[in-house]
Amino acid sequence: MAWIYLTVAGLFEIVWAYAMKLSEGFTKPVPTTVTLVAMLISFGLLAVAMRSLPLGTAYAIWTGIGALGAFVVGIFVLGEGATPLRLISAGLILAGIIGLKFSADG
């Protein structure tokens, strides 16, 4: 169950990162509220997952899911560049997440 909590926490990290971008420096109320609510959910689920997962593994995977998700949202929703170096770098993050998952104690 901890892995499910961690995955959902990572997905909410993507939500809050995107909403933060839309908030334009917390000047727009709706995206700001979405950011704060998604942050609370994300942190809460991460904390629950950390009850049984190692700190380093849980935190790295959580941030990795958020980083990759924000990267994908940036490309497909915000029109950011998908250069070969950026794609390779994102692939390395994904490889790290997979490696940590399969080497985890919890």
C-alpha atoms as a PDB file:
ATOM      1  CA  MET A   1       0.000   0.000   0.000  1.00  0.00           C
ATOM      2  CA  ALA A   2       2.916   2.369   0.707  1.00  0.00           C
ATOM      3  CA  TRP A   3       3.902   2.319  -2.965  1.00  0.00           C
ATOM      4  CA  ILE A   4       0.389   3.320  -3.982  1.00  0.00           C
ATOM      5  CA  TYR A   5       0.420   6.203  -1.491  1.00  0.00           C
ATOM      6  CA  LEU A   6       3.819   7.263  -2.780  1.00  0.00           C
ATOM      7  CA  THR A   7       2.691   7.154  -6.411  1.00  0.00           C
ATOM      8  CA  VAL A   8      -0.431   9.194  -5.713  1.00  0.00           C
ATOM      9  CA  ALA A   9       1.650  11.644  -3.666  1.00  0.00           C
ATOM     10  CA  GLY A  10       3.919  12.060  -6.691  1.00  0.00           C
ATOM     11  CA  LEU A  11       0.929  12.675  -8.947  1.00  0.00           C
ATOM     12  CA  PHE A  12      -0.310  15.390  -6.599  1.00  0.00           C
ATOM     13  CA  GLU A  13       3.163  16.902  -6.746  1.00  0.00           C
ATOM     14  CA  ILE A  14       2.678  17.290 -10.494  1.00  0.00           C
ATOM     15  CA  VAL A  15      -0.691  18.942  -9.870  1.00  0.00           C
ATOM     16  CA  TRP A  16       0.712  21.452  -7.412  1.00  0.00           C
ATOM     17  CA  ALA A  17       3.703  22.279  -9.590  1.00  0.00           C
ATOM     18  CA  TYR A  18       1.457  22.994 -12.573  1.00  0.00           C
ATOM     19  CA  ALA A  19      -1.049  24.933 -10.462  1.00  0.00           C
ATOM     20  CA  MET A  20       1.813  26.961  -9.004  1.00  0.00           C
ATOM     21  CA  LYS A  21       2.870  27.930 -12.523  1.00  0.00           C
ATOM     22  CA  LEU A  22      -0.717  28.961 -13.295  1.00  0.00           C
ATOM     23  CA  SER A  23      -0.931  30.978 -10.059  1.00  0.00           C
ATOM     24  CA  GLU A  24       1.561  33.498 -11.477  1.00  0.00           C
ATOM     25  CA  GLY A  25       3.433  33.945  -8.218  1.00  0.00           C
ATOM     26  CA  PHE A  26       0.370  33.257  -6.055  1.00  0.00           C
ATOM     27  CA  THR A  27      -1.495  36.223  -7.524  1.00  0.00           C
ATOM     28  CA  LYS A  28      -4.443  34.172  -8.836  1.00  0.00           C
ATOM     29  CA  PRO A  29      -6.718  32.768  -6.113  1.00  0.00           C
ATOM     30  CA  VAL A  30      -7.971  29.553  -7.750  1.00  0.00           C
ATOM     31  CA  PRO A  31      -4.614  28.171  -8.893  1.00  0.00           C
ATOM     32  CA  THR A  32      -3.108  29.262  -5.568  1.00  0.00           C
ATOM     33  CA  THR A  33      -5.777  27.312  -3.676  1.00  0.00           C
ATOM     34  CA  VAL A  34      -5.280  24.265  -5.917  1.00  0.00           C
ATOM     35  CA  THR A  35      -1.536  24.504  -5.275  1.00  0.00           C
ATOM     36  CA  LEU A  36      -1.937  24.575  -1.500  1.00  0.00           C
ATOM     37  CA  VAL A  37      -4.524  21.778  -1.362  1.00  0.00           C
ATOM     38  CA  ALA A  38      -2.504  19.555  -3.702  1.00  0.00           C
ATOM     39  CA  MET A  39       0.619  20.235  -1.614  1.00  0.00           C
ATOM     40  CA  LEU A  40      -1.131  19.173   1.575  1.00  0.00           C
ATOM     41  CA  ILE A  41      -2.408  15.982  -0.039  1.00  0.00           C
ATOM     42  CA  SER A  42       0.975  15.241  -1.588  1.00  0.00           C
ATOM     43  CA  PHE A  43       2.920  15.803   1.635  1.00  0.00           C
ATOM     44  CA  GLY A  44       0.363  13.877   3.656  1.00  0.00           C
ATOM     45  CA  LEU A  45       0.505  10.836   1.386  1.00  0.00           C
ATOM     46  CA  LEU A  46       4.301  11.008   1.322  1.00  0.00           C
ATOM     47  CA  ALA A  47       4.329  10.977   5.117  1.00  0.00           C
ATOM     48  CA  VAL A  48       2.068   7.928   5.192  1.00  0.00           C
ATOM     49  CA  ALA A  49       4.263   6.133   2.648  1.00  0.00           C
ATOM     50  CA  MET A  50       7.354   6.924   4.720  1.00  0.00           C
ATOM     51  CA  ARG A  51       5.957   4.920   7.609  1.00  0.00           C
ATOM     52  CA  SER A  52       7.179   1.783   5.855  1.00  0.00           C
ATOM     53  CA  LEU A  53       9.490   2.940   3.062  1.00  0.00           C
ATOM     54  CA  PRO A  54      13.070   4.133   3.554  1.00  0.00           C
ATOM     55  CA  LEU A  55      13.410   7.921   3.648  1.00  0.00           C
ATOM     56  CA  GLY A  56      15.879   8.191   0.785  1.00  0.00           C
ATOM     57  CA  THR A  57      13.898   5.890  -1.470  1.00  0.00           C
ATOM     58  CA  ALA A  58      10.518   7.469  -0.760  1.00  0.00           C
ATOM     59  CA  TYR A  59      11.714  11.055  -1.089  1.00  0.00           C
ATOM     60  CA  ALA A  60      13.746  10.437  -4.249  1.00  0.00           C
ATOM     61  CA  ILE A  61      10.893   8.610  -5.961  1.00  0.00           C
ATOM     62  CA  TRP A  62       8.375  11.250  -4.893  1.00  0.00           C
ATOM     63  CA  THR A  63      10.496  14.069  -6.278  1.00  0.00           C
ATOM     64  CA  GLY A  64      11.311  12.009  -9.372  1.00  0.00           C
ATOM     65  CA  ILE A  65       7.640  11.444 -10.175  1.00  0.00           C
ATOM     66  CA  GLY A  66       7.017  15.155  -9.691  1.00  0.00           C
ATOM     67  CA  ALA A  67      10.002  16.170 -11.793  1.00  0.00           C
ATOM     68  CA  LEU A  68       9.149  13.830 -14.656  1.00  0.00           C
ATOM     69  CA  GLY A  69       5.480  14.744 -14.518  1.00  0.00           C
ATOM     70  CA  ALA A  70       6.213  18.460 -14.504  1.00  0.00           C
ATOM     71  CA  PHE A  71       8.614  17.892 -17.395  1.00  0.00           C
ATOM     72  CA  VAL A  72       5.893  16.132 -19.413  1.00  0.00           C
ATOM     73  CA  VAL A  73       3.287  18.797 -18.551  1.00  0.00           C
ATOM     74  CA  GLY A  74       5.780  21.467 -19.566  1.00  0.00           C
ATOM     75  CA  ILE A  75       6.280  19.882 -22.968  1.00  0.00           C
ATOM     76  CA  PHE A  76       2.723  18.833 -23.799  1.00  0.00           C
ATOM     77  CA  VAL A  77       0.681  21.522 -22.055  1.00  0.00           C
ATOM     78  CA  LEU A  78       2.969  24.552 -21.878  1.00  0.00           C
ATOM     79  CA  GLY A  79       4.851  24.027 -25.135  1.00  0.00           C
ATOM     80  CA  GLU A  80       8.322  23.805 -23.593  1.00  0.00           C
ATOM     81  CA  GLY A  81      11.157  22.379 -25.667  1.00  0.00           C
ATOM     82  CA  ALA A  82      11.872  18.661 -25.913  1.00  0.00           C
ATOM     83  CA  THR A  83      15.515  18.747 -26.908  1.00  0.00           C
ATOM     84  CA  PRO A  84      17.501  15.513 -27.055  1.00  0.00           C
ATOM     85  CA  LEU A  85      19.539  16.430 -23.979  1.00  0.00           C
ATOM     86  CA  ARG A  86      16.391  17.210 -21.958  1.00  0.00           C
ATOM     87  CA  LEU A  87      14.822  13.899 -23.023  1.00  0.00           C
ATOM     88  CA  ILE A  88      17.960  11.938 -22.154  1.00  0.00           C
ATOM     89  CA  SER A  89      18.150  13.671 -18.783  1.00  0.00           C
ATOM     90  CA  ALA A  90      14.507  12.840 -18.050  1.00  0.00           C
ATOM     91  CA  GLY A  91      15.229   9.240 -19.041  1.00  0.00           C
ATOM     92  CA  LEU A  92      18.024   9.143 -16.486  1.00  0.00           C
ATOM     93  CA  ILE A  93      15.630  10.351 -13.792  1.00  0.00           C
ATOM     94  CA  LEU A  94      13.215   7.593 -14.801  1.00  0.00           C
ATOM     95  CA  ALA A  95      16.015   5.017 -14.655  1.00  0.00           C
ATOM     96  CA  GLY A  96      16.867   6.231 -11.157  1.00  0.00           C
ATOM     97  CA  ILE A  97      13.255   5.909 -10.010  1.00  0.00           C
ATOM     98  CA  ILE A  98      13.055   2.359 -11.373  1.00  0.00           C
ATOM     99  CA  GLY A  99      16.376   1.447  -9.791  1.00  0.00           C
ATOM    100  CA  LEU A 100      15.310   2.775  -6.403  1.00  0.00           C
ATOM    101  CA  LYS A 101      11.978   0.956  -6.586  1.00  0.00           C
ATOM    102  CA  PHE A 102      13.598  -2.404  -7.252  1.00  0.00           C
ATOM    103  CA  SER A 103      16.318  -1.926  -4.655  1.00  0.00           C
ATOM    104  CA  ALA A 104      14.018  -0.699  -1.861  1.00  0.00           C
ATOM    105  CA  ASP A 105      13.854  -2.451   1.477  1.00  0.00           C
ATOM    106  CA  GLY A 106      10.220  -1.530   2.130  1.00  0.00           C
END
